[in-house]
């Protein structure tokens, strides 16, 4: 029987549940930790990696604001809305123009949801 250690085990179980749910729906997503500096990315699925052309290693620990996807057409107001949504407690959609690794533009309207494990 595996050893479970307090809060860490519960949080891992919680994250695994979220990952299984969204992976099963063929969604492209990432998970960030709002308690880390810059809301670091702690998980991104394969669909997200493929959509932007980055490896998982290149994405992990980047800020959840996805600064690495910003390009010349990305509006500062959209980035501010994205940052504000990450700090909020309600689900929110933000229209934003991101760029993949090769520089191709991707107009997106991602859903941002704040979730907390207890």
PDB file of N, CA and C in Angstrom:
ATOM      1  N   UNK A   1       0.846  -1.181   0.000  1.00  0.00           N
ATOM      2  CA  UNK A   1       0.000   0.000   0.000  1.00  0.00           C
ATOM      3  C   UNK A   1       0.889   1.240   0.000  1.00  0.00           C
ATOM      4  N   UNK A   2       0.607   2.224  -0.898  1.00  0.00           N
ATOM      5  CA  UNK A   2       1.455   3.416  -0.969  1.00  0.00           C
ATOM      6  C   UNK A   2       1.334   4.268   0.283  1.00  0.00           C
ATOM      7  N   UNK A   3       2.419   4.944   0.592  1.00  0.00           N
ATOM      8  CA  UNK A   3       2.438   5.836   1.743  1.00  0.00           C
ATOM      9  C   UNK A   3       1.864   7.176   1.323  1.00  0.00           C
ATOM     10  N   UNK A   4       0.913   7.676   2.089  1.00  0.00           N
ATOM     11  CA  UNK A   4       0.320   8.986   1.816  1.00  0.00           C
ATOM     12  C   UNK A   4       0.734   9.914   2.924  1.00  0.00           C
ATOM     13  N   UNK A   5       1.221  11.073   2.544  1.00  0.00           N
ATOM     14  CA  UNK A   5       1.723  12.001   3.544  1.00  0.00           C
ATOM     15  C   UNK A   5       0.952  13.301   3.502  1.00  0.00           C
ATOM     16  N   UNK A   6      -0.014  13.439   4.371  1.00  0.00           N
ATOM     17  CA  UNK A   6      -0.707  14.694   4.613  1.00  0.00           C
ATOM     18  C   UNK A   6      -1.215  15.430   3.395  1.00  0.00           C
ATOM     19  N   UNK A   7      -1.060  16.724   3.435  1.00  0.00           N
ATOM     20  CA  UNK A   7      -1.621  17.630   2.434  1.00  0.00           C
ATOM     21  C   UNK A   7      -1.069  17.373   1.036  1.00  0.00           C
ATOM     22  N   UNK A   8       0.169  17.007   0.921  1.00  0.00           N
ATOM     23  CA  UNK A   8       0.772  16.783  -0.396  1.00  0.00           C
ATOM     24  C   UNK A   8       0.039  15.686  -1.145  1.00  0.00           C
ATOM     25  N   UNK A   9      -0.263  14.593  -0.480  1.00  0.00           N
ATOM     26  CA  UNK A   9      -0.964  13.483  -1.126  1.00  0.00           C
ATOM     27  C   UNK A   9      -2.359  13.911  -1.570  1.00  0.00           C
ATOM     28  N   UNK A  10      -3.061  14.685  -0.726  1.00  0.00           N
ATOM     29  CA  UNK A  10      -4.395  15.142  -1.102  1.00  0.00           C
ATOM     30  C   UNK A  10      -4.337  16.066  -2.304  1.00  0.00           C
ATOM     31  N   UNK A  11      -3.387  16.983  -2.320  1.00  0.00           N
ATOM     32  CA  UNK A  11      -3.267  17.909  -3.428  1.00  0.00           C
ATOM     33  C   UNK A  11      -2.936  17.162  -4.714  1.00  0.00           C
ATOM     34  N   UNK A  12      -2.038  16.203  -4.657  1.00  0.00           N
ATOM     35  CA  UNK A  12      -1.687  15.436  -5.844  1.00  0.00           C
ATOM     36  C   UNK A  12      -2.891  14.682  -6.384  1.00  0.00           C
ATOM     37  N   UNK A  13      -3.692  14.099  -5.499  1.00  0.00           N
ATOM     38  CA  UNK A  13      -4.902  13.391  -5.913  1.00  0.00           C
ATOM     39  C   UNK A  13      -5.866  14.357  -6.584  1.00  0.00           C
ATOM     40  N   UNK A  14      -6.000  15.540  -6.030  1.00  0.00           N
ATOM     41  CA  UNK A  14      -6.882  16.571  -6.572  1.00  0.00           C
ATOM     42  C   UNK A  14      -6.431  16.966  -7.984  1.00  0.00           C
ATOM     43  N   UNK A  15      -5.144  17.235  -8.153  1.00  0.00           N
ATOM     44  CA  UNK A  15      -4.616  17.614  -9.460  1.00  0.00           C
ATOM     45  C   UNK A  15      -4.752  16.483 -10.464  1.00  0.00           C
ATOM     46  N   UNK A  16      -4.499  15.261 -10.035  1.00  0.00           N
ATOM     47  CA  UNK A  16      -4.642  14.113 -10.928  1.00  0.00           C
ATOM     48  C   UNK A  16      -6.081  13.989 -11.426  1.00  0.00           C
ATOM     49  N   UNK A  17      -7.045  14.276 -10.577  1.00  0.00           N
ATOM     50  CA  UNK A  17      -8.453  14.223 -10.967  1.00  0.00           C
ATOM     51  C   UNK A  17      -8.745  15.269 -12.036  1.00  0.00           C
ATOM     52  N   UNK A  18      -8.243  16.480 -11.844  1.00  0.00           N
ATOM     53  CA  UNK A  18      -8.439  17.541 -12.833  1.00  0.00           C
ATOM     54  C   UNK A  18      -7.792  17.156 -14.163  1.00  0.00           C
ATOM     55  N   UNK A  19      -6.577  16.664 -14.107  1.00  0.00           N
ATOM     56  CA  UNK A  19      -5.848  16.278 -15.316  1.00  0.00           C
ATOM     57  C   UNK A  19      -6.595  15.189 -16.075  1.00  0.00           C
ATOM     58  N   UNK A  20      -7.048  14.156 -15.382  1.00  0.00           N
ATOM     59  CA  UNK A  20      -7.791  13.069 -16.037  1.00  0.00           C
ATOM     60  C   UNK A  20      -9.072  13.588 -16.689  1.00  0.00           C
ATOM     61  N   UNK A  21      -9.781  14.473 -15.979  1.00  0.00           N
ATOM     62  CA  UNK A  21     -11.050  14.990 -16.495  1.00  0.00           C
ATOM     63  C   UNK A  21     -10.837  15.759 -17.796  1.00  0.00           C
ATOM     64  N   UNK A  22      -9.897  16.686 -17.814  1.00  0.00           N
ATOM     65  CA  UNK A  22      -9.704  17.525 -18.994  1.00  0.00           C
ATOM     66  C   UNK A  22      -8.975  16.809 -20.112  1.00  0.00           C
ATOM     67  N   UNK A  23      -8.055  15.915 -19.793  1.00  0.00           N
ATOM     68  CA  UNK A  23      -7.393  15.131 -20.839  1.00  0.00           C
ATOM     69  C   UNK A  23      -8.408  14.272 -21.577  1.00  0.00           C
ATOM     70  N   UNK A  24      -9.377  13.748 -20.854  1.00  0.00           N
ATOM     71  CA  UNK A  24     -10.411  12.910 -21.448  1.00  0.00           C
ATOM     72  C   UNK A  24     -11.338  13.678 -22.379  1.00  0.00           C
ATOM     73  N   UNK A  25     -11.336  14.997 -22.287  1.00  0.00           N
ATOM     74  CA  UNK A  25     -12.191  15.832 -23.124  1.00  0.00           C
ATOM     75  C   UNK A  25     -11.422  16.448 -24.295  1.00  0.00           C
ATOM     76  N   UNK A  26     -10.197  15.981 -24.509  1.00  0.00           N
ATOM     77  CA  UNK A  26      -9.341  16.482 -25.589  1.00  0.00           C
ATOM     78  C   UNK A  26      -9.149  18.004 -25.539  1.00  0.00           C
ATOM     79  N   UNK A  27      -9.040  18.541 -24.342  1.00  0.00           N
ATOM     80  CA  UNK A  27      -8.786  19.978 -24.173  1.00  0.00           C
ATOM     81  C   UNK A  27      -7.296  20.233 -24.081  1.00  0.00           C
ATOM     82  N   UNK A  28      -6.927  21.426 -24.467  1.00  0.00           N
ATOM     83  CA  UNK A  28      -5.547  21.874 -24.341  1.00  0.00           C
ATOM     84  C   UNK A  28      -5.509  22.770 -23.108  1.00  0.00           C
ATOM     85  N   UNK A  29      -4.689  22.410 -22.126  1.00  0.00           N
ATOM     86  CA  UNK A  29      -4.736  23.172 -20.887  1.00  0.00           C
ATOM     87  C   UNK A  29      -3.420  23.110 -20.132  1.00  0.00           C
ATOM     88  N   UNK A  30      -3.321  24.023 -19.188  1.00  0.00           N
ATOM     89  CA  UNK A  30      -2.202  24.017 -18.262  1.00  0.00           C
ATOM     90  C   UNK A  30      -2.735  24.298 -16.873  1.00  0.00           C
ATOM     91  N   UNK A  31      -1.937  23.968 -15.884  1.00  0.00           N
ATOM     92  CA  UNK A  31      -2.287  24.218 -14.480  1.00  0.00           C
ATOM     93  C   UNK A  31      -1.143  25.002 -13.869  1.00  0.00           C
ATOM     94  N   UNK A  32      -1.498  26.062 -13.167  1.00  0.00           N
ATOM     95  CA  UNK A  32      -0.499  26.876 -12.493  1.00  0.00           C
ATOM     96  C   UNK A  32      -0.747  26.908 -10.999  1.00  0.00           C
ATOM     97  N   UNK A  33       0.293  27.189 -10.280  1.00  0.00           N
ATOM     98  CA  UNK A  33       0.213  27.291  -8.831  1.00  0.00           C
ATOM     99  C   UNK A  33       0.246  28.763  -8.458  1.00  0.00           C
ATOM    100  N   UNK A  34      -0.884  29.295  -8.006  1.00  0.00           N
ATOM    101  CA  UNK A  34      -0.970  30.711  -7.679  1.00  0.00           C
ATOM    102  C   UNK A  34      -0.199  31.060  -6.411  1.00  0.00           C
ATOM    103  N   UNK A  35       0.261  30.058  -5.693  1.00  0.00           N
ATOM    104  CA  UNK A  35       1.043  30.328  -4.490  1.00  0.00           C
ATOM    105  C   UNK A  35       2.543  30.401  -4.788  1.00  0.00           C
ATOM    106  N   UNK A  36       2.925  30.089  -6.013  1.00  0.00           N
ATOM    107  CA  UNK A  36       4.320  30.204  -6.436  1.00  0.00           C
ATOM    108  C   UNK A  36       4.553  31.601  -6.992  1.00  0.00           C
ATOM    109  N   UNK A  37       5.801  32.036  -6.960  1.00  0.00           N
ATOM    110  CA  UNK A  37       6.149  33.310  -7.572  1.00  0.00           C
ATOM    111  C   UNK A  37       5.791  33.248  -9.050  1.00  0.00           C
ATOM    112  N   UNK A  38       5.158  34.282  -9.576  1.00  0.00           N
ATOM    113  CA  UNK A  38       4.739  34.372 -10.982  1.00  0.00           C
ATOM    114  C   UNK A  38       3.699  33.332 -11.374  1.00  0.00           C
ATOM    115  N   UNK A  39       3.030  32.729 -10.420  1.00  0.00           N
ATOM    116  CA  UNK A  39       2.010  31.711 -10.731  1.00  0.00           C
ATOM    117  C   UNK A  39       2.582  30.680 -11.706  1.00  0.00           C
ATOM    118  N   UNK A  40       3.634  30.012 -11.316  1.00  0.00           N
ATOM    119  CA  UNK A  40       4.337  29.075 -12.190  1.00  0.00           C
ATOM    120  C   UNK A  40       3.487  27.930 -12.695  1.00  0.00           C
ATOM    121  N   UNK A  41       3.719  27.536 -13.939  1.00  0.00           N
ATOM    122  CA  UNK A  41       3.018  26.403 -14.551  1.00  0.00           C
ATOM    123  C   UNK A  41       3.570  25.123 -13.935  1.00  0.00           C
ATOM    124  N   UNK A  42       2.679  24.307 -13.396  1.00  0.00           N
ATOM    125  CA  UNK A  42       3.096  23.038 -12.789  1.00  0.00           C
ATOM    126  C   UNK A  42       2.666  21.831 -13.622  1.00  0.00           C
ATOM    127  N   UNK A  43       1.821  22.060 -14.629  1.00  0.00           N
ATOM    128  CA  UNK A  43       1.417  20.973 -15.522  1.00  0.00           C
ATOM    129  C   UNK A  43       0.903  21.573 -16.825  1.00  0.00           C
ATOM    130  N   UNK A  44       1.227  20.948 -17.934  1.00  0.00           N
ATOM    131  CA  UNK A  44       0.605  21.263 -19.224  1.00  0.00           C
ATOM    132  C   UNK A  44       0.430  19.936 -19.959  1.00  0.00           C
ATOM    133  N   UNK A  45      -0.709  19.799 -20.611  1.00  0.00           N
ATOM    134  CA  UNK A  45      -0.931  18.527 -21.294  1.00  0.00           C
ATOM    135  C   UNK A  45      -0.304  18.533 -22.687  1.00  0.00           C
ATOM    136  N   UNK A  46      -0.281  17.379 -23.299  1.00  0.00           N
ATOM    137  CA  UNK A  46       0.361  17.205 -24.602  1.00  0.00           C
ATOM    138  C   UNK A  46      -0.300  18.071 -25.676  1.00  0.00           C
ATOM    139  N   UNK A  47      -1.616  18.214 -25.595  1.00  0.00           N
ATOM    140  CA  UNK A  47      -2.333  19.037 -26.567  1.00  0.00           C
ATOM    141  C   UNK A  47      -1.868  20.485 -26.534  1.00  0.00           C
ATOM    142  N   UNK A  48      -1.626  21.006 -25.336  1.00  0.00           N
ATOM    143  CA  UNK A  48      -1.128  22.376 -25.191  1.00  0.00           C
ATOM    144  C   UNK A  48       0.260  22.485 -25.812  1.00  0.00           C
ATOM    145  N   UNK A  49       1.120  21.514 -25.517  1.00  0.00           N
ATOM    146  CA  UNK A  49       2.482  21.508 -26.077  1.00  0.00           C
ATOM    147  C   UNK A  49       2.447  21.483 -27.595  1.00  0.00           C
ATOM    148  N   UNK A  50       1.616  20.608 -28.165  1.00  0.00           N
ATOM    149  CA  UNK A  50       1.531  20.476 -29.611  1.00  0.00           C
ATOM    150  C   UNK A  50       0.980  21.739 -30.264  1.00  0.00           C
ATOM    151  N   UNK A  51      -0.011  22.371 -29.636  1.00  0.00           N
ATOM    152  CA  UNK A  51      -0.627  23.559 -30.206  1.00  0.00           C
ATOM    153  C   UNK A  51       0.382  24.700 -30.366  1.00  0.00           C
ATOM    154  N   UNK A  52       1.294  24.829 -29.412  1.00  0.00           N
ATOM    155  CA  UNK A  52       2.242  25.934 -29.444  1.00  0.00           C
ATOM    156  C   UNK A  52       3.644  25.531 -29.887  1.00  0.00           C
ATOM    157  N   UNK A  53       3.904  24.238 -30.051  1.00  0.00           N
ATOM    158  CA  UNK A  53       5.190  23.779 -30.554  1.00  0.00           C
ATOM    159  C   UNK A  53       6.319  23.757 -29.531  1.00  0.00           C
ATOM    160  N   UNK A  54       5.982  23.814 -28.272  1.00  0.00           N
ATOM    161  CA  UNK A  54       6.990  23.766 -27.211  1.00  0.00           C
ATOM    162  C   UNK A  54       6.979  22.398 -26.555  1.00  0.00           C
ATOM    163  N   UNK A  55       8.117  22.004 -26.016  1.00  0.00           N
ATOM    164  CA  UNK A  55       8.153  20.773 -25.221  1.00  0.00           C
ATOM    165  C   UNK A  55       7.636  21.093 -23.823  1.00  0.00           C
ATOM    166  N   UNK A  56       7.250  20.067 -23.126  1.00  0.00           N
ATOM    167  CA  UNK A  56       6.782  20.250 -21.748  1.00  0.00           C
ATOM    168  C   UNK A  56       7.878  20.897 -20.893  1.00  0.00           C
ATOM    169  N   UNK A  57       9.121  20.497 -21.093  1.00  0.00           N
ATOM    170  CA  UNK A  57      10.237  21.048 -20.311  1.00  0.00           C
ATOM    171  C   UNK A  57      10.394  22.555 -20.543  1.00  0.00           C
ATOM    172  N   UNK A  58      10.105  23.019 -21.758  1.00  0.00           N
ATOM    173  CA  UNK A  58      10.217  24.447 -22.052  1.00  0.00           C
ATOM    174  C   UNK A  58       9.098  25.260 -21.398  1.00  0.00           C
ATOM    175  N   UNK A  59       7.974  24.624 -21.128  1.00  0.00           N
ATOM    176  CA  UNK A  59       6.800  25.316 -20.582  1.00  0.00           C
ATOM    177  C   UNK A  59       6.779  25.310 -19.055  1.00  0.00           C
ATOM    178  N   UNK A  60       7.199  24.204 -18.463  1.00  0.00           N
ATOM    179  CA  UNK A  60       7.122  24.070 -17.009  1.00  0.00           C
ATOM    180  C   UNK A  60       7.852  25.204 -16.299  1.00  0.00           C
ATOM    181  N   UNK A  61       7.252  25.691 -15.230  1.00  0.00           N
ATOM    182  CA  UNK A  61       7.753  26.765 -14.372  1.00  0.00           C
ATOM    183  C   UNK A  61       7.693  28.152 -15.021  1.00  0.00           C
ATOM    184  N   UNK A  62       7.212  28.236 -16.260  1.00  0.00           N
ATOM    185  CA  UNK A  62       6.976  29.553 -16.860  1.00  0.00           C
ATOM    186  C   UNK A  62       5.786  30.187 -16.134  1.00  0.00           C
ATOM    187  N   UNK A  63       5.665  31.508 -16.157  1.00  0.00           N
ATOM    188  CA  UNK A  63       4.492  32.142 -15.527  1.00  0.00           C
ATOM    189  C   UNK A  63       3.201  31.758 -16.248  1.00  0.00           C
ATOM    190  N   UNK A  64       2.114  31.623 -15.499  1.00  0.00           N
ATOM    191  CA  UNK A  64       0.808  31.284 -16.075  1.00  0.00           C
ATOM    192  C   UNK A  64       0.280  32.357 -17.009  1.00  0.00           C
ATOM    193  N   UNK A  65       0.860  33.536 -16.969  1.00  0.00           N
ATOM    194  CA  UNK A  65       0.448  34.581 -17.900  1.00  0.00           C
ATOM    195  C   UNK A  65       0.955  34.296 -19.301  1.00  0.00           C
ATOM    196  N   UNK A  66       1.759  33.242 -19.443  1.00  0.00           N
ATOM    197  CA  UNK A  66       2.250  32.773 -20.746  1.00  0.00           C
ATOM    198  C   UNK A  66       3.025  33.844 -21.511  1.00  0.00           C
ATOM    199  N   UNK A  67       3.907  34.526 -20.822  1.00  0.00           N
ATOM    200  CA  UNK A  67       4.746  35.553 -21.451  1.00  0.00           C
ATOM    201  C   UNK A  67       5.522  34.996 -22.649  1.00  0.00           C
ATOM    202  N   UNK A  68       5.844  33.715 -22.606  1.00  0.00           N
ATOM    203  CA  UNK A  68       6.599  33.094 -23.701  1.00  0.00           C
ATOM    204  C   UNK A  68       5.771  32.950 -24.982  1.00  0.00           C
ATOM    205  N   UNK A  69       4.462  33.237 -24.917  1.00  0.00           N
ATOM    206  CA  UNK A  69       3.583  33.163 -26.081  1.00  0.00           C
ATOM    207  C   UNK A  69       3.210  34.543 -26.615  1.00  0.00           C
ATOM    208  N   UNK A  70       3.747  35.581 -25.985  1.00  0.00           N
ATOM    209  CA  UNK A  70       3.432  36.960 -26.367  1.00  0.00           C
ATOM    210  C   UNK A  70       4.236  37.347 -27.606  1.00  0.00           C
ATOM    211  N   UNK A  71       3.585  38.082 -28.490  1.00  0.00           N
ATOM    212  CA  UNK A  71       4.241  38.564 -29.701  1.00  0.00           C
ATOM    213  C   UNK A  71       3.846  39.991 -29.992  1.00  0.00           C
ATOM    214  N   UNK A  72       4.226  40.502 -31.163  1.00  0.00           N
ATOM    215  CA  UNK A  72       3.986  41.910 -31.481  1.00  0.00           C
ATOM    216  C   UNK A  72       2.513  42.324 -31.520  1.00  0.00           C
ATOM    217  N   UNK A  73       1.615  41.405 -31.790  1.00  0.00           N
ATOM    218  CA  UNK A  73       0.192  41.743 -31.856  1.00  0.00           C
ATOM    219  C   UNK A  73      -0.569  41.509 -30.573  1.00  0.00           C
ATOM    220  N   UNK A  74       0.096  41.020 -29.555  1.00  0.00           N
ATOM    221  CA  UNK A  74      -0.563  40.749 -28.273  1.00  0.00           C
ATOM    222  C   UNK A  74      -0.813  42.079 -27.562  1.00  0.00           C
ATOM    223  N   UNK A  75      -2.052  42.342 -27.238  1.00  0.00           N
ATOM    224  CA  UNK A  75      -2.425  43.606 -26.594  1.00  0.00           C
ATOM    225  C   UNK A  75      -2.056  43.589 -25.109  1.00  0.00           C
ATOM    226  N   UNK A  76      -1.507  44.690 -24.639  1.00  0.00           N
ATOM    227  CA  UNK A  76      -1.163  44.815 -23.214  1.00  0.00           C
ATOM    228  C   UNK A  76      -2.407  44.734 -22.342  1.00  0.00           C
ATOM    229  N   UNK A  77      -3.519  45.253 -22.843  1.00  0.00           N
ATOM    230  CA  UNK A  77      -4.758  45.198 -22.065  1.00  0.00           C
ATOM    231  C   UNK A  77      -5.221  43.751 -21.882  1.00  0.00           C
ATOM    232  N   UNK A  78      -5.048  42.930 -22.911  1.00  0.00           N
ATOM    233  CA  UNK A  78      -5.422  41.514 -22.808  1.00  0.00           C
ATOM    234  C   UNK A  78      -4.533  40.805 -21.788  1.00  0.00           C
ATOM    235  N   UNK A  79      -3.238  41.130 -21.790  1.00  0.00           N
ATOM    236  CA  UNK A  79      -2.323  40.526 -20.817  1.00  0.00           C
ATOM    237  C   UNK A  79      -2.688  40.949 -19.392  1.00  0.00           C
ATOM    238  N   UNK A  80      -3.104  42.201 -19.227  1.00  0.00           N
ATOM    239  CA  UNK A  80      -3.520  42.688 -17.909  1.00  0.00           C
ATOM    240  C   UNK A  80      -4.784  41.964 -17.450  1.00  0.00           C
ATOM    241  N   UNK A  81      -5.722  41.737 -18.376  1.00  0.00           N
ATOM    242  CA  UNK A  81      -6.944  40.999 -18.047  1.00  0.00           C
ATOM    243  C   UNK A  81      -6.615  39.561 -17.656  1.00  0.00           C
ATOM    244  N   UNK A  82      -5.670  38.968 -18.367  1.00  0.00           N
ATOM    245  CA  UNK A  82      -5.241  37.602 -18.073  1.00  0.00           C
ATOM    246  C   UNK A  82      -4.642  37.531 -16.668  1.00  0.00           C
ATOM    247  N   UNK A  83      -3.759  38.454 -16.342  1.00  0.00           N
ATOM    248  CA  UNK A  83      -3.133  38.481 -15.019  1.00  0.00           C
ATOM    249  C   UNK A  83      -4.181  38.699 -13.933  1.00  0.00           C
ATOM    250  N   UNK A  84      -5.131  39.587 -14.189  1.00  0.00           N
ATOM    251  CA  UNK A  84      -6.185  39.863 -13.218  1.00  0.00           C
ATOM    252  C   UNK A  84      -7.080  38.636 -13.014  1.00  0.00           C
ATOM    253  N   UNK A  85      -7.370  37.929 -14.092  1.00  0.00           N
ATOM    254  CA  UNK A  85      -8.200  36.723 -14.005  1.00  0.00           C
ATOM    255  C   UNK A  85      -7.518  35.643 -13.170  1.00  0.00           C
ATOM    256  N   UNK A  86      -6.208  35.549 -13.270  1.00  0.00           N
ATOM    257  CA  UNK A  86      -5.477  34.547 -12.482  1.00  0.00           C
ATOM    258  C   UNK A  86      -5.561  34.824 -10.988  1.00  0.00           C
ATOM    259  N   UNK A  87      -5.694  36.084 -10.633  1.00  0.00           N
ATOM    260  CA  UNK A  87      -5.785  36.449  -9.221  1.00  0.00           C
ATOM    261  C   UNK A  87      -7.204  36.376  -8.689  1.00  0.00           C
ATOM    262  N   UNK A  88      -8.183  36.352  -9.579  1.00  0.00           N
ATOM    263  CA  UNK A  88      -9.585  36.337  -9.179  1.00  0.00           C
ATOM    264  C   UNK A  88     -10.061  34.962  -8.750  1.00  0.00           C
ATOM    265  N   UNK A  89     -11.305  34.917  -8.326  1.00  0.00           N
ATOM    266  CA  UNK A  89     -11.862  33.648  -7.849  1.00  0.00           C
ATOM    267  C   UNK A  89     -12.997  33.140  -8.728  1.00  0.00           C
ATOM    268  N   UNK A  90     -13.329  33.876  -9.798  1.00  0.00           N
ATOM    269  CA  UNK A  90     -14.398  33.454 -10.689  1.00  0.00           C
ATOM    270  C   UNK A  90     -13.829  33.033 -12.040  1.00  0.00           C
ATOM    271  N   UNK A  91     -14.532  32.117 -12.692  1.00  0.00           N
ATOM    272  CA  UNK A  91     -14.108  31.705 -14.037  1.00  0.00           C
ATOM    273  C   UNK A  91     -14.278  32.889 -14.976  1.00  0.00           C
ATOM    274  N   UNK A  92     -13.331  33.026 -15.886  1.00  0.00           N
ATOM    275  CA  UNK A  92     -13.336  34.176 -16.780  1.00  0.00           C
ATOM    276  C   UNK A  92     -12.737  33.792 -18.135  1.00  0.00           C
ATOM    277  N   UNK A  93     -13.216  34.430 -19.199  1.00  0.00           N
ATOM    278  CA  UNK A  93     -12.658  34.236 -20.539  1.00  0.00           C
ATOM    279  C   UNK A  93     -11.990  35.542 -20.958  1.00  0.00           C
ATOM    280  N   UNK A  94     -10.835  35.394 -21.611  1.00  0.00           N
ATOM    281  CA  UNK A  94     -10.074  36.560 -22.058  1.00  0.00           C
ATOM    282  C   UNK A  94      -9.700  36.344 -23.521  1.00  0.00           C
ATOM    283  N   UNK A  95     -10.070  37.273 -24.399  1.00  0.00           N
ATOM    284  CA  UNK A  95      -9.659  37.191 -25.797  1.00  0.00           C
ATOM    285  C   UNK A  95      -8.225  37.690 -25.893  1.00  0.00           C
ATOM    286  N   UNK A  96      -7.378  36.867 -26.502  1.00  0.00           N
ATOM    287  CA  UNK A  96      -5.957  37.214 -26.554  1.00  0.00           C
ATOM    288  C   UNK A  96      -5.307  36.622 -27.803  1.00  0.00           C
ATOM    289  N   UNK A  97      -4.308  37.301 -28.290  1.00  0.00           N
ATOM    290  CA  UNK A  97      -3.549  36.836 -29.445  1.00  0.00           C
ATOM    291  C   UNK A  97      -2.197  36.339 -28.952  1.00  0.00           C
ATOM    292  N   UNK A  98      -1.964  35.052 -29.094  1.00  0.00           N
ATOM    293  CA  UNK A  98      -0.695  34.453 -28.707  1.00  0.00           C
ATOM    294  C   UNK A  98       0.029  33.992 -29.962  1.00  0.00           C
ATOM    295  N   UNK A  99       1.291  33.635 -29.808  1.00  0.00           N
ATOM    296  CA  UNK A  99       2.121  33.172 -30.908  1.00  0.00           C
ATOM    297  C   UNK A  99       2.749  31.832 -30.541  1.00  0.00           C
ATOM    298  N   UNK A 100       2.808  30.916 -31.502  1.00  0.00           N
ATOM    299  CA  UNK A 100       3.457  29.635 -31.232  1.00  0.00           C
ATOM    300  C   UNK A 100       4.972  29.802 -31.360  1.00  0.00           C
ATOM    301  N   UNK A 101       5.688  28.723 -31.176  1.00  0.00           N
ATOM    302  CA  UNK A 101       7.150  28.759 -31.179  1.00  0.00           C
ATOM    303  C   UNK A 101       7.723  29.243 -32.507  1.00  0.00           C
ATOM    304  N   UNK A 102       7.022  28.965 -33.602  1.00  0.00           N
ATOM    305  CA  UNK A 102       7.471  29.366 -34.938  1.00  0.00           C
ATOM    306  C   UNK A 102       7.058  30.793 -35.287  1.00  0.00           C
ATOM    307  N   UNK A 103       6.267  31.431 -34.416  1.00  0.00           N
ATOM    308  CA  UNK A 103       5.849  32.813 -34.660  1.00  0.00           C
ATOM    309  C   UNK A 103       4.487  32.976 -35.310  1.00  0.00           C
ATOM    310  N   UNK A 104       3.754  31.868 -35.488  1.00  0.00           N
ATOM    311  CA  UNK A 104       2.419  31.951 -36.072  1.00  0.00           C
ATOM    312  C   UNK A 104       1.418  32.431 -35.030  1.00  0.00           C
ATOM    313  N   UNK A 105       0.512  33.302 -35.466  1.00  0.00           N
ATOM    314  CA  UNK A 105      -0.484  33.888 -34.571  1.00  0.00           C
ATOM    315  C   UNK A 105      -1.623  32.917 -34.292  1.00  0.00           C
ATOM    316  N   UNK A 106      -2.067  32.917 -33.043  1.00  0.00           N
ATOM    317  CA  UNK A 106      -3.207  32.102 -32.633  1.00  0.00           C
ATOM    318  C   UNK A 106      -4.142  32.986 -31.803  1.00  0.00           C
ATOM    319  N   UNK A 107      -5.307  33.301 -32.356  1.00  0.00           N
ATOM    320  CA  UNK A 107      -6.305  34.075 -31.617  1.00  0.00           C
ATOM    321  C   UNK A 107      -7.077  33.106 -30.732  1.00  0.00           C
ATOM    322  N   UNK A 108      -7.054  33.356 -29.445  1.00  0.00           N
ATOM    323  CA  UNK A 108      -7.670  32.442 -28.479  1.00  0.00           C
ATOM    324  C   UNK A 108      -8.606  33.178 -27.533  1.00  0.00           C
ATOM    325  N   UNK A 109      -9.465  32.419 -26.915  1.00  0.00           N
ATOM    326  CA  UNK A 109     -10.328  32.929 -25.854  1.00  0.00           C
ATOM    327  C   UNK A 109     -10.312  31.895 -24.729  1.00  0.00           C
ATOM    328  N   UNK A 110      -9.187  31.819 -24.012  1.00  0.00           N
ATOM    329  CA  UNK A 110      -9.087  30.783 -22.985  1.00  0.00           C
ATOM    330  C   UNK A 110      -9.987  31.036 -21.786  1.00  0.00           C
ATOM    331  N   UNK A 111     -10.435  29.945 -21.181  1.00  0.00           N
ATOM    332  CA  UNK A 111     -11.167  30.020 -19.924  1.00  0.00           C
ATOM    333  C   UNK A 111     -10.169  29.893 -18.800  1.00  0.00           C
ATOM    334  N   UNK A 112     -10.283  30.776 -17.830  1.00  0.00           N
ATOM    335  CA  UNK A 112      -9.408  30.735 -16.666  1.00  0.00           C
ATOM    336  C   UNK A 112     -10.268  30.472 -15.452  1.00  0.00           C
ATOM    337  N   UNK A 113      -9.919  29.453 -14.711  1.00  0.00           N
ATOM    338  CA  UNK A 113     -10.689  29.116 -13.517  1.00  0.00           C
ATOM    339  C   UNK A 113      -9.743  28.942 -12.346  1.00  0.00           C
ATOM    340  N   UNK A 114     -10.106  29.556 -11.262  1.00  0.00           N
ATOM    341  CA  UNK A 114      -9.329  29.433 -10.040  1.00  0.00           C
ATOM    342  C   UNK A 114      -9.873  28.233  -9.276  1.00  0.00           C
ATOM    343  N   UNK A 115      -9.015  27.354  -8.884  1.00  0.00           N
ATOM    344  CA  UNK A 115      -9.430  26.165  -8.144  1.00  0.00           C
ATOM    345  C   UNK A 115      -8.529  26.003  -6.944  1.00  0.00           C
ATOM    346  N   UNK A 116      -9.118  25.546  -5.874  1.00  0.00           N
ATOM    347  CA  UNK A 116      -8.339  25.402  -4.650  1.00  0.00           C
ATOM    348  C   UNK A 116      -8.642  24.052  -4.038  1.00  0.00           C
ATOM    349  N   UNK A 117      -7.587  23.302  -3.721  1.00  0.00           N
ATOM    350  CA  UNK A 117      -7.793  22.025  -3.048  1.00  0.00           C
ATOM    351  C   UNK A 117      -7.755  22.266  -1.548  1.00  0.00           C
ATOM    352  N   UNK A 118      -8.546  21.533  -0.823  1.00  0.00           N
ATOM    353  CA  UNK A 118      -8.607  21.727   0.631  1.00  0.00           C
ATOM    354  C   UNK A 118      -7.951  20.573   1.339  1.00  0.00           C
TER     355      UNK A 118
END
